[in-house]
């Protein structure tokens, strides 16, 4: 017996479509999941949608359950929350998160799903993958009590980092973005807001997540001597120029990268499952609802993805609602 499903595919750069799929009956150790919500990771998924994944990164950028290859046709995505319809008794009927693309039903190994805590609404749980990125970044950054910190770039990842930093005792956090509308998001997360030209300087740490050359350059300018920029941005196939002839050497500044594809060496004893479970626990905070800025039905995704990629629909996390 198989199950009928529909999935979102990138047919070619800039052109998405829904395709019919047949999902096999789950075997021992597998689960059948009916999707309730999925989320568009706007930065990465719009780069994929535009065909801007560099050839040298095709293997690295594969999603866990991706089908097809870049630049297309490809089924891509990794923010999926659903309910287990069939599988081990301990999981049947549970709401779970999975790093699965946009699809109405799917079968995966039981180990690939993580139960969503009762205190976390299914709609908010789609943020788990992005909050997991923020957890890994802060393991890399290792902020200290009382640090002065800026997050440059108020997108989905940057706001997730700011939300977690707001919990650190004595830390002063400022979200920096060119869009004044992000001030409302910053207030909801409990952090300050500033335009790039008005941001506080003399900082111990700057987390950069704007994916722009100007944002990274400004991040370096905001540091105190011997301060650190942790760069979370992924630039796709774009080259980035930096003013390293100014105070980069004299100030002994540090520029580090962070990437969620591996667990931070600072927490090498933790597994991927540990990190994701922690992210889901942190999503019990209702303040994180501020990161969800739009909602559509799954059937509308081909048009919505094009609008997100063009900027016609500004968004942090845009969620998709699945209906029987």
C-alpha atoms as a PDB file:
ATOM      1  CA  UNK A   1       0.000   0.000   0.000  1.00  0.00           C
ATOM      2  CA  UNK A   2       1.253   3.493  -0.822  1.00  0.00           C
ATOM      3  CA  UNK A   3       0.069   6.966   0.122  1.00  0.00           C
ATOM      4  CA  UNK A   4      -0.642   9.843  -2.230  1.00  0.00           C
ATOM      5  CA  UNK A   5       1.344  13.034  -1.618  1.00  0.00           C
ATOM      6  CA  UNK A   6       2.273  16.328  -3.247  1.00  0.00           C
ATOM      7  CA  UNK A   7       5.687  17.980  -3.102  1.00  0.00           C
ATOM      8  CA  UNK A   8       7.199  21.321  -4.088  1.00  0.00           C
ATOM      9  CA  UNK A   9       9.965  21.083  -6.699  1.00  0.00           C
ATOM     10  CA  UNK A  10      12.202  23.689  -8.263  1.00  0.00           C
ATOM     11  CA  UNK A  11      11.794  22.742 -11.921  1.00  0.00           C
ATOM     12  CA  UNK A  12      14.481  25.208 -13.041  1.00  0.00           C
ATOM     13  CA  UNK A  13      15.936  28.360 -11.470  1.00  0.00           C
ATOM     14  CA  UNK A  14      13.068  30.748 -10.797  1.00  0.00           C
ATOM     15  CA  UNK A  15      10.320  28.225 -11.590  1.00  0.00           C
ATOM     16  CA  UNK A  16       8.650  26.117  -8.893  1.00  0.00           C
ATOM     17  CA  UNK A  17       5.821  23.619  -9.182  1.00  0.00           C
ATOM     18  CA  UNK A  18       3.841  21.056  -7.195  1.00  0.00           C
ATOM     19  CA  UNK A  19       4.343  17.445  -8.218  1.00  0.00           C
ATOM     20  CA  UNK A  20       2.408  14.310  -7.384  1.00  0.00           C
ATOM     21  CA  UNK A  21       4.263  11.651  -5.367  1.00  0.00           C
ATOM     22  CA  UNK A  22       3.613   8.177  -4.041  1.00  0.00           C
ATOM     23  CA  UNK A  23       4.875   7.441  -0.538  1.00  0.00           C
ATOM     24  CA  UNK A  24       5.537   3.812   0.375  1.00  0.00           C
ATOM     25  CA  UNK A  25       4.144   2.148   3.476  1.00  0.00           C
ATOM     26  CA  UNK A  26       6.605   2.605   6.384  1.00  0.00           C
ATOM     27  CA  UNK A  27       8.754  -0.394   7.267  1.00  0.00           C
ATOM     28  CA  UNK A  28      10.111  -1.369  10.689  1.00  0.00           C
ATOM     29  CA  UNK A  29      11.983   1.571  12.184  1.00  0.00           C
ATOM     30  CA  UNK A  30      10.271   4.110   9.916  1.00  0.00           C
ATOM     31  CA  UNK A  31       7.471   6.640  10.381  1.00  0.00           C
ATOM     32  CA  UNK A  32       4.793   8.030   8.091  1.00  0.00           C
ATOM     33  CA  UNK A  33       4.387  11.752   8.750  1.00  0.00           C
ATOM     34  CA  UNK A  34       1.504  13.974   7.638  1.00  0.00           C
ATOM     35  CA  UNK A  35       2.768  17.537   7.365  1.00  0.00           C
ATOM     36  CA  UNK A  36       1.009  20.239   9.372  1.00  0.00           C
ATOM     37  CA  UNK A  37       3.360  23.172   8.689  1.00  0.00           C
ATOM     38  CA  UNK A  38       6.560  23.842   6.818  1.00  0.00           C
ATOM     39  CA  UNK A  39       8.685  26.955   6.771  1.00  0.00           C
ATOM     40  CA  UNK A  40      10.688  28.702   4.068  1.00  0.00           C
ATOM     41  CA  UNK A  41      14.223  29.460   5.190  1.00  0.00           C
ATOM     42  CA  UNK A  42      14.227  32.658   3.165  1.00  0.00           C
ATOM     43  CA  UNK A  43      17.973  33.259   2.805  1.00  0.00           C
ATOM     44  CA  UNK A  44      19.073  29.776   1.737  1.00  0.00           C
ATOM     45  CA  UNK A  45      15.927  28.694  -0.090  1.00  0.00           C
ATOM     46  CA  UNK A  46      15.688  31.817  -2.220  1.00  0.00           C
ATOM     47  CA  UNK A  47      19.325  31.349  -3.259  1.00  0.00           C
ATOM     48  CA  UNK A  48      18.442  27.787  -4.254  1.00  0.00           C
ATOM     49  CA  UNK A  49      15.302  29.039  -6.032  1.00  0.00           C
ATOM     50  CA  UNK A  50      17.388  31.506  -8.021  1.00  0.00           C
ATOM     51  CA  UNK A  51      19.928  28.839  -9.020  1.00  0.00           C
ATOM     52  CA  UNK A  52      22.707  30.646  -7.141  1.00  0.00           C
ATOM     53  CA  UNK A  53      24.333  27.685  -5.367  1.00  0.00           C
ATOM     54  CA  UNK A  54      27.984  27.571  -6.568  1.00  0.00           C
ATOM     55  CA  UNK A  55      28.903  24.283  -8.245  1.00  0.00           C
ATOM     56  CA  UNK A  56      31.652  23.738  -5.685  1.00  0.00           C
ATOM     57  CA  UNK A  57      29.024  23.783  -2.900  1.00  0.00           C
ATOM     58  CA  UNK A  58      26.476  21.421  -4.441  1.00  0.00           C
ATOM     59  CA  UNK A  59      27.466  18.516  -2.211  1.00  0.00           C
ATOM     60  CA  UNK A  60      27.801  20.651   0.948  1.00  0.00           C
ATOM     61  CA  UNK A  61      24.440  22.353   0.438  1.00  0.00           C
ATOM     62  CA  UNK A  62      22.393  19.184  -0.001  1.00  0.00           C
ATOM     63  CA  UNK A  63      19.449  19.024   2.392  1.00  0.00           C
ATOM     64  CA  UNK A  64      19.089  15.749   4.357  1.00  0.00           C
ATOM     65  CA  UNK A  65      16.150  14.437   2.280  1.00  0.00           C
ATOM     66  CA  UNK A  66      16.754  16.371  -0.922  1.00  0.00           C
ATOM     67  CA  UNK A  67      15.802  14.769  -4.237  1.00  0.00           C
ATOM     68  CA  UNK A  68      17.343  15.872  -7.525  1.00  0.00           C
ATOM     69  CA  UNK A  69      20.378  18.093  -7.899  1.00  0.00           C
ATOM     70  CA  UNK A  70      21.251  21.764  -8.163  1.00  0.00           C
ATOM     71  CA  UNK A  71      20.435  23.906 -10.031  1.00  0.00           C
ATOM     72  CA  UNK A  72      17.293  21.826 -10.748  1.00  0.00           C
ATOM     73  CA  UNK A  73      15.044  19.969 -10.899  1.00  0.00           C
ATOM     74  CA  UNK A  74      15.409  19.662  -7.138  1.00  0.00           C
ATOM     75  CA  UNK A  75      13.158  19.101  -4.110  1.00  0.00           C
ATOM     76  CA  UNK A  76      14.687  21.218  -1.354  1.00  0.00           C
ATOM     77  CA  UNK A  77      13.763  22.370   2.150  1.00  0.00           C
ATOM     78  CA  UNK A  78      14.335  21.480   5.793  1.00  0.00           C
ATOM     79  CA  UNK A  79      11.739  23.048   8.105  1.00  0.00           C
ATOM     80  CA  UNK A  80       8.884  20.561   8.435  1.00  0.00           C
ATOM     81  CA  UNK A  81       6.495  19.840  11.307  1.00  0.00           C
ATOM     82  CA  UNK A  82       3.931  17.070  11.117  1.00  0.00           C
ATOM     83  CA  UNK A  83       2.110  14.347  12.988  1.00  0.00           C
ATOM     84  CA  UNK A  84       3.197  10.701  12.910  1.00  0.00           C
ATOM     85  CA  UNK A  85       0.369   8.647  11.432  1.00  0.00           C
ATOM     86  CA  UNK A  86       2.131   5.275  11.443  1.00  0.00           C
ATOM     87  CA  UNK A  87       5.285   4.019  13.112  1.00  0.00           C
ATOM     88  CA  UNK A  88       6.599   2.928  16.507  1.00  0.00           C
ATOM     89  CA  UNK A  89       4.024   3.211  19.294  1.00  0.00           C
ATOM     90  CA  UNK A  90       6.113   5.795  21.152  1.00  0.00           C
ATOM     91  CA  UNK A  91       5.860   8.175  18.172  1.00  0.00           C
ATOM     92  CA  UNK A  92       2.437   7.453  16.674  1.00  0.00           C
ATOM     93  CA  UNK A  93       0.206  10.473  17.147  1.00  0.00           C
ATOM     94  CA  UNK A  94       3.103  12.707  18.212  1.00  0.00           C
ATOM     95  CA  UNK A  95       3.880  16.055  16.613  1.00  0.00           C
ATOM     96  CA  UNK A  96       7.451  15.953  15.291  1.00  0.00           C
ATOM     97  CA  UNK A  97      10.019  18.151  13.561  1.00  0.00           C
ATOM     98  CA  UNK A  98      11.992  16.831  10.601  1.00  0.00           C
ATOM     99  CA  UNK A  99      14.558  18.298   8.210  1.00  0.00           C
ATOM    100  CA  UNK A 100      12.312  17.426   5.276  1.00  0.00           C
ATOM    101  CA  UNK A 101      11.316  19.454   2.177  1.00  0.00           C
ATOM    102  CA  UNK A 102       7.836  20.863   1.492  1.00  0.00           C
ATOM    103  CA  UNK A 103       5.657  17.770   1.011  1.00  0.00           C
ATOM    104  CA  UNK A 104       2.224  16.726   2.283  1.00  0.00           C
ATOM    105  CA  UNK A 105       3.240  13.242   3.513  1.00  0.00           C
ATOM    106  CA  UNK A 106       6.545  11.402   3.709  1.00  0.00           C
ATOM    107  CA  UNK A 107       8.293   8.364   5.199  1.00  0.00           C
ATOM    108  CA  UNK A 108      11.638   8.668   6.986  1.00  0.00           C
ATOM    109  CA  UNK A 109      13.595   6.659   9.560  1.00  0.00           C
ATOM    110  CA  UNK A 110      12.154   7.161  13.044  1.00  0.00           C
ATOM    111  CA  UNK A 111      15.541   8.526  14.146  1.00  0.00           C
ATOM    112  CA  UNK A 112      15.131  11.423  11.681  1.00  0.00           C
ATOM    113  CA  UNK A 113      12.203  12.987  13.569  1.00  0.00           C
ATOM    114  CA  UNK A 114      12.321  14.840  16.895  1.00  0.00           C
ATOM    115  CA  UNK A 115       9.209  15.086  19.083  1.00  0.00           C
ATOM    116  CA  UNK A 116       7.984  18.631  19.620  1.00  0.00           C
ATOM    117  CA  UNK A 117       7.592  19.479  23.328  1.00  0.00           C
ATOM    118  CA  UNK A 118       4.004  19.958  24.481  1.00  0.00           C
ATOM    119  CA  UNK A 119       4.776  23.585  25.367  1.00  0.00           C
ATOM    120  CA  UNK A 120       5.711  24.418  21.753  1.00  0.00           C
ATOM    121  CA  UNK A 121       2.904  25.038  19.201  1.00  0.00           C
ATOM    122  CA  UNK A 122       3.363  23.145  15.931  1.00  0.00           C
ATOM    123  CA  UNK A 123       3.369  26.385  13.907  1.00  0.00           C
ATOM    124  CA  UNK A 124       6.236  27.844  15.966  1.00  0.00           C
ATOM    125  CA  UNK A 125       8.153  24.566  15.833  1.00  0.00           C
ATOM    126  CA  UNK A 126       9.039  25.167  12.162  1.00  0.00           C
ATOM    127  CA  UNK A 127      11.656  27.597  13.539  1.00  0.00           C
ATOM    128  CA  UNK A 128      13.605  24.725  15.092  1.00  0.00           C
ATOM    129  CA  UNK A 129      16.113  24.457  12.243  1.00  0.00           C
ATOM    130  CA  UNK A 130      16.931  28.160  12.427  1.00  0.00           C
ATOM    131  CA  UNK A 131      17.107  28.276  16.224  1.00  0.00           C
ATOM    132  CA  UNK A 132      19.430  25.271  15.963  1.00  0.00           C
ATOM    133  CA  UNK A 133      21.689  27.409  13.750  1.00  0.00           C
ATOM    134  CA  UNK A 134      21.623  30.127  16.416  1.00  0.00           C
ATOM    135  CA  UNK A 135      22.501  27.620  19.152  1.00  0.00           C
ATOM    136  CA  UNK A 136      25.485  26.404  17.142  1.00  0.00           C
ATOM    137  CA  UNK A 137      26.581  29.992  16.466  1.00  0.00           C
ATOM    138  CA  UNK A 138      26.541  30.863  20.160  1.00  0.00           C
ATOM    139  CA  UNK A 139      28.503  27.716  20.960  1.00  0.00           C
ATOM    140  CA  UNK A 140      31.071  29.036  18.462  1.00  0.00           C
ATOM    141  CA  UNK A 141      30.927  32.630  19.710  1.00  0.00           C
ATOM    142  CA  UNK A 142      30.989  31.817  23.453  1.00  0.00           C
ATOM    143  CA  UNK A 143      29.610  35.185  24.680  1.00  0.00           C
ATOM    144  CA  UNK A 144      30.413  36.148  28.272  1.00  0.00           C
ATOM    145  CA  UNK A 145      28.333  37.752  31.001  1.00  0.00           C
ATOM    146  CA  UNK A 146      28.258  41.510  30.485  1.00  0.00           C
ATOM    147  CA  UNK A 147      29.439  41.472  26.862  1.00  0.00           C
ATOM    148  CA  UNK A 148      28.471  44.263  24.477  1.00  0.00           C
ATOM    149  CA  UNK A 149      27.143  42.599  21.342  1.00  0.00           C
ATOM    150  CA  UNK A 150      25.516  43.500  18.046  1.00  0.00           C
ATOM    151  CA  UNK A 151      23.735  41.240  15.600  1.00  0.00           C
ATOM    152  CA  UNK A 152      24.068  42.775  12.144  1.00  0.00           C
ATOM    153  CA  UNK A 153      21.292  41.554   9.859  1.00  0.00           C
ATOM    154  CA  UNK A 154      17.740  41.183  11.112  1.00  0.00           C
ATOM    155  CA  UNK A 155      16.765  38.198   9.014  1.00  0.00           C
ATOM    156  CA  UNK A 156      15.564  34.855  10.288  1.00  0.00           C
ATOM    157  CA  UNK A 157      18.960  33.694  11.551  1.00  0.00           C
ATOM    158  CA  UNK A 158      20.020  37.063  12.941  1.00  0.00           C
ATOM    159  CA  UNK A 159      16.790  37.484  14.875  1.00  0.00           C
ATOM    160  CA  UNK A 160      17.090  33.950  16.272  1.00  0.00           C
ATOM    161  CA  UNK A 161      20.585  34.751  17.529  1.00  0.00           C
ATOM    162  CA  UNK A 162      19.391  38.036  19.059  1.00  0.00           C
ATOM    163  CA  UNK A 163      16.505  36.253  20.789  1.00  0.00           C
ATOM    164  CA  UNK A 164      18.875  33.770  22.458  1.00  0.00           C
ATOM    165  CA  UNK A 165      21.400  36.464  23.385  1.00  0.00           C
ATOM    166  CA  UNK A 166      18.629  38.411  25.128  1.00  0.00           C
ATOM    167  CA  UNK A 167      18.578  35.632  27.732  1.00  0.00           C
ATOM    168  CA  UNK A 168      22.251  36.095  28.707  1.00  0.00           C
ATOM    169  CA  UNK A 169      22.708  37.963  32.026  1.00  0.00           C
ATOM    170  CA  UNK A 170      24.156  41.448  31.808  1.00  0.00           C
ATOM    171  CA  UNK A 171      24.573  41.322  28.032  1.00  0.00           C
ATOM    172  CA  UNK A 172      23.717  44.408  25.967  1.00  0.00           C
ATOM    173  CA  UNK A 173      22.360  43.303  22.601  1.00  0.00           C
ATOM    174  CA  UNK A 174      21.573  45.507  19.632  1.00  0.00           C
ATOM    175  CA  UNK A 175      19.934  44.282  16.432  1.00  0.00           C
ATOM    176  CA  UNK A 176      21.288  46.256  13.474  1.00  0.00           C
ATOM    177  CA  UNK A 177      19.425  46.380  10.170  1.00  0.00           C
ATOM    178  CA  UNK A 178      18.725  48.767   7.307  1.00  0.00           C
ATOM    179  CA  UNK A 179      14.966  48.077   7.528  1.00  0.00           C
ATOM    180  CA  UNK A 180      13.365  50.257  10.249  1.00  0.00           C
ATOM    181  CA  UNK A 181      10.486  47.776  10.444  1.00  0.00           C
ATOM    182  CA  UNK A 182      12.873  45.397  12.229  1.00  0.00           C
ATOM    183  CA  UNK A 183      12.639  47.703  15.257  1.00  0.00           C
ATOM    184  CA  UNK A 184       9.288  46.088  16.089  1.00  0.00           C
ATOM    185  CA  UNK A 185      10.829  42.636  15.887  1.00  0.00           C
ATOM    186  CA  UNK A 186      13.730  43.706  18.101  1.00  0.00           C
ATOM    187  CA  UNK A 187      11.310  45.066  20.709  1.00  0.00           C
ATOM    188  CA  UNK A 188       9.344  41.807  20.689  1.00  0.00           C
ATOM    189  CA  UNK A 189      12.580  39.865  21.251  1.00  0.00           C
ATOM    190  CA  UNK A 190      13.696  42.156  24.080  1.00  0.00           C
ATOM    191  CA  UNK A 191      16.746  43.721  22.409  1.00  0.00           C
ATOM    192  CA  UNK A 192      17.692  47.199  21.189  1.00  0.00           C
ATOM    193  CA  UNK A 193      17.550  48.261  17.538  1.00  0.00           C
ATOM    194  CA  UNK A 194      19.688  50.569  15.407  1.00  0.00           C
ATOM    195  CA  UNK A 195      20.269  51.454  11.790  1.00  0.00           C
ATOM    196  CA  UNK A 196      23.843  50.609  10.691  1.00  0.00           C
ATOM    197  CA  UNK A 197      25.010  54.233  10.904  1.00  0.00           C
ATOM    198  CA  UNK A 198      23.636  54.610  14.446  1.00  0.00           C
ATOM    199  CA  UNK A 199      24.877  51.340  15.952  1.00  0.00           C
ATOM    200  CA  UNK A 200      26.994  51.362  19.102  1.00  0.00           C
ATOM    201  CA  UNK A 201      30.710  50.757  18.612  1.00  0.00           C
ATOM    202  CA  UNK A 202      33.424  49.377  20.883  1.00  0.00           C
ATOM    203  CA  UNK A 203      31.800  45.928  20.953  1.00  0.00           C
ATOM    204  CA  UNK A 204      33.203  42.661  22.236  1.00  0.00           C
ATOM    205  CA  UNK A 205      31.348  40.558  19.682  1.00  0.00           C
ATOM    206  CA  UNK A 206      29.415  41.126  16.474  1.00  0.00           C
ATOM    207  CA  UNK A 207      27.393  38.329  14.911  1.00  0.00           C
ATOM    208  CA  UNK A 208      26.990  39.052  11.208  1.00  0.00           C
ATOM    209  CA  UNK A 209      23.969  37.638   9.393  1.00  0.00           C
ATOM    210  CA  UNK A 210      23.055  40.177   6.697  1.00  0.00           C
ATOM    211  CA  UNK A 211      24.708  38.275   3.817  1.00  0.00           C
ATOM    212  CA  UNK A 212      25.933  41.618   2.423  1.00  0.00           C
ATOM    213  CA  UNK A 213      29.389  43.060   1.865  1.00  0.00           C
ATOM    214  CA  UNK A 214      28.363  46.340   3.524  1.00  0.00           C
ATOM    215  CA  UNK A 215      27.041  44.501   6.584  1.00  0.00           C
ATOM    216  CA  UNK A 216      30.254  42.562   7.083  1.00  0.00           C
ATOM    217  CA  UNK A 217      32.383  45.680   6.669  1.00  0.00           C
ATOM    218  CA  UNK A 218      30.225  47.541   9.203  1.00  0.00           C
ATOM    219  CA  UNK A 219      30.505  44.604  11.607  1.00  0.00           C
ATOM    220  CA  UNK A 220      34.302  44.973  11.644  1.00  0.00           C
ATOM    221  CA  UNK A 221      33.988  48.715  12.247  1.00  0.00           C
ATOM    222  CA  UNK A 222      31.863  48.147  15.358  1.00  0.00           C
ATOM    223  CA  UNK A 223      34.466  46.073  17.211  1.00  0.00           C
ATOM    224  CA  UNK A 224      36.721  47.125  20.049  1.00  0.00           C
ATOM    225  CA  UNK A 225      40.419  46.187  19.746  1.00  0.00           C
ATOM    226  CA  UNK A 226      40.765  42.386  19.742  1.00  0.00           C
ATOM    227  CA  UNK A 227      37.013  41.967  19.244  1.00  0.00           C
ATOM    228  CA  UNK A 228      35.462  39.217  17.125  1.00  0.00           C
ATOM    229  CA  UNK A 229      33.044  39.064  14.208  1.00  0.00           C
ATOM    230  CA  UNK A 230      31.312  35.715  13.842  1.00  0.00           C
ATOM    231  CA  UNK A 231      29.975  35.456  10.282  1.00  0.00           C
ATOM    232  CA  UNK A 232      26.850  33.348   9.785  1.00  0.00           C
ATOM    233  CA  UNK A 233      26.066  34.627   6.295  1.00  0.00           C
ATOM    234  CA  UNK A 234      26.155  32.451   3.235  1.00  0.00           C
ATOM    235  CA  UNK A 235      26.949  34.441   0.109  1.00  0.00           C
ATOM    236  CA  UNK A 236      26.209  31.843  -2.544  1.00  0.00           C
ATOM    237  CA  UNK A 237      28.217  32.643  -5.667  1.00  0.00           C
ATOM    238  CA  UNK A 238      28.994  36.276  -4.721  1.00  0.00           C
ATOM    239  CA  UNK A 239      32.483  37.600  -3.954  1.00  0.00           C
ATOM    240  CA  UNK A 240      32.937  39.853  -0.923  1.00  0.00           C
ATOM    241  CA  UNK A 241      35.520  42.652  -0.559  1.00  0.00           C
ATOM    242  CA  UNK A 242      36.516  43.896   2.911  1.00  0.00           C
ATOM    243  CA  UNK A 243      38.477  46.946   4.183  1.00  0.00           C
ATOM    244  CA  UNK A 244      41.245  44.898   5.784  1.00  0.00           C
ATOM    245  CA  UNK A 245      43.766  47.702   5.272  1.00  0.00           C
ATOM    246  CA  UNK A 246      42.172  49.845   7.991  1.00  0.00           C
ATOM    247  CA  UNK A 247      42.146  48.781  11.658  1.00  0.00           C
ATOM    248  CA  UNK A 248      41.863  45.047  11.025  1.00  0.00           C
ATOM    249  CA  UNK A 249      45.552  44.389  11.781  1.00  0.00           C
ATOM    250  CA  UNK A 250      46.263  47.233  14.186  1.00  0.00           C
ATOM    251  CA  UNK A 251      43.176  46.351  16.211  1.00  0.00           C
ATOM    252  CA  UNK A 252      44.011  42.618  16.115  1.00  0.00           C
ATOM    253  CA  UNK A 253      40.453  41.889  15.044  1.00  0.00           C
ATOM    254  CA  UNK A 254      39.148  38.363  14.495  1.00  0.00           C
ATOM    255  CA  UNK A 255      36.806  37.233  11.714  1.00  0.00           C
ATOM    256  CA  UNK A 256      35.424  33.718  12.171  1.00  0.00           C
ATOM    257  CA  UNK A 257      32.897  31.649  10.287  1.00  0.00           C
ATOM    258  CA  UNK A 258      30.174  29.443  11.725  1.00  0.00           C
ATOM    259  CA  UNK A 259      28.161  26.807   9.910  1.00  0.00           C
ATOM    260  CA  UNK A 260      25.395  24.586  11.220  1.00  0.00           C
ATOM    261  CA  UNK A 261      26.428  21.627   9.035  1.00  0.00           C
ATOM    262  CA  UNK A 262      28.741  20.462  11.831  1.00  0.00           C
ATOM    263  CA  UNK A 263      28.334  20.680  15.600  1.00  0.00           C
ATOM    264  CA  UNK A 264      30.572  23.417  17.018  1.00  0.00           C
ATOM    265  CA  UNK A 265      33.956  22.050  18.147  1.00  0.00           C
ATOM    266  CA  UNK A 266      33.278  23.851  21.441  1.00  0.00           C
ATOM    267  CA  UNK A 267      30.517  21.282  22.070  1.00  0.00           C
ATOM    268  CA  UNK A 268      31.979  18.253  20.326  1.00  0.00           C
ATOM    269  CA  UNK A 269      30.484  15.979  22.972  1.00  0.00           C
ATOM    270  CA  UNK A 270      26.953  16.939  21.793  1.00  0.00           C
ATOM    271  CA  UNK A 271      25.211  15.208  18.916  1.00  0.00           C
ATOM    272  CA  UNK A 272      23.065  16.713  16.162  1.00  0.00           C
ATOM    273  CA  UNK A 273      20.053  15.249  17.974  1.00  0.00           C
ATOM    274  CA  UNK A 274      21.084  16.961  21.224  1.00  0.00           C
ATOM    275  CA  UNK A 275      21.383  20.295  19.456  1.00  0.00           C
ATOM    276  CA  UNK A 276      17.994  20.027  17.747  1.00  0.00           C
ATOM    277  CA  UNK A 277      16.251  18.921  20.938  1.00  0.00           C
ATOM    278  CA  UNK A 278      17.711  21.962  22.714  1.00  0.00           C
ATOM    279  CA  UNK A 279      16.455  24.254  19.948  1.00  0.00           C
ATOM    280  CA  UNK A 280      12.940  22.837  20.301  1.00  0.00           C
ATOM    281  CA  UNK A 281      13.012  23.326  24.078  1.00  0.00           C
ATOM    282  CA  UNK A 282      14.014  26.980  23.579  1.00  0.00           C
ATOM    283  CA  UNK A 283      10.993  27.484  21.312  1.00  0.00           C
ATOM    284  CA  UNK A 284       8.698  27.360  24.337  1.00  0.00           C
ATOM    285  CA  UNK A 285       9.302  31.132  24.489  1.00  0.00           C
ATOM    286  CA  UNK A 286       6.318  32.850  22.774  1.00  0.00           C
ATOM    287  CA  UNK A 287       8.523  35.854  21.930  1.00  0.00           C
ATOM    288  CA  UNK A 288       9.884  33.789  19.046  1.00  0.00           C
ATOM    289  CA  UNK A 289       6.514  34.049  17.279  1.00  0.00           C
ATOM    290  CA  UNK A 290       7.830  37.437  16.122  1.00  0.00           C
ATOM    291  CA  UNK A 291      10.025  35.561  13.625  1.00  0.00           C
ATOM    292  CA  UNK A 292       6.979  34.241  11.733  1.00  0.00           C
ATOM    293  CA  UNK A 293       5.924  37.076   9.465  1.00  0.00           C
ATOM    294  CA  UNK A 294       3.669  35.481   6.865  1.00  0.00           C
ATOM    295  CA  UNK A 295       1.467  32.487   6.138  1.00  0.00           C
ATOM    296  CA  UNK A 296       0.016  30.822   3.050  1.00  0.00           C
ATOM    297  CA  UNK A 297      -1.506  27.518   2.057  1.00  0.00           C
ATOM    298  CA  UNK A 298       0.973  24.919   0.780  1.00  0.00           C
ATOM    299  CA  UNK A 299      -0.782  24.959  -2.601  1.00  0.00           C
ATOM    300  CA  UNK A 300       0.275  28.585  -3.065  1.00  0.00           C
ATOM    301  CA  UNK A 301       3.987  27.890  -2.590  1.00  0.00           C
ATOM    302  CA  UNK A 302       5.088  28.128  -6.272  1.00  0.00           C
ATOM    303  CA  UNK A 303       3.870  31.727  -6.456  1.00  0.00           C
ATOM    304  CA  UNK A 304       4.898  32.571  -2.892  1.00  0.00           C
ATOM    305  CA  UNK A 305       8.463  31.337  -3.389  1.00  0.00           C
ATOM    306  CA  UNK A 306       8.852  33.550  -6.447  1.00  0.00           C
ATOM    307  CA  UNK A 307       7.576  36.540  -4.474  1.00  0.00           C
ATOM    308  CA  UNK A 308       9.913  35.803  -1.557  1.00  0.00           C
ATOM    309  CA  UNK A 309      12.879  35.486  -3.924  1.00  0.00           C
ATOM    310  CA  UNK A 310      12.077  38.793  -5.654  1.00  0.00           C
ATOM    311  CA  UNK A 311      11.527  40.635  -2.375  1.00  0.00           C
ATOM    312  CA  UNK A 312       7.909  41.397  -3.285  1.00  0.00           C
ATOM    313  CA  UNK A 313       6.974  39.641  -0.027  1.00  0.00           C
ATOM    314  CA  UNK A 314       9.356  40.716   2.754  1.00  0.00           C
ATOM    315  CA  UNK A 315       9.696  37.998   5.351  1.00  0.00           C
ATOM    316  CA  UNK A 316      11.663  36.435   8.143  1.00  0.00           C
ATOM    317  CA  UNK A 317      10.099  32.979   8.296  1.00  0.00           C
ATOM    318  CA  UNK A 318       7.178  32.430   5.956  1.00  0.00           C
ATOM    319  CA  UNK A 319       5.115  29.411   6.969  1.00  0.00           C
ATOM    320  CA  UNK A 320       2.923  27.125   4.907  1.00  0.00           C
ATOM    321  CA  UNK A 321      -0.277  25.595   6.216  1.00  0.00           C
ATOM    322  CA  UNK A 322      -1.220  22.074   5.102  1.00  0.00           C
ATOM    323  CA  UNK A 323      -4.815  20.962   4.930  1.00  0.00           C
ATOM    324  CA  UNK A 324      -6.352  17.576   4.162  1.00  0.00           C
END
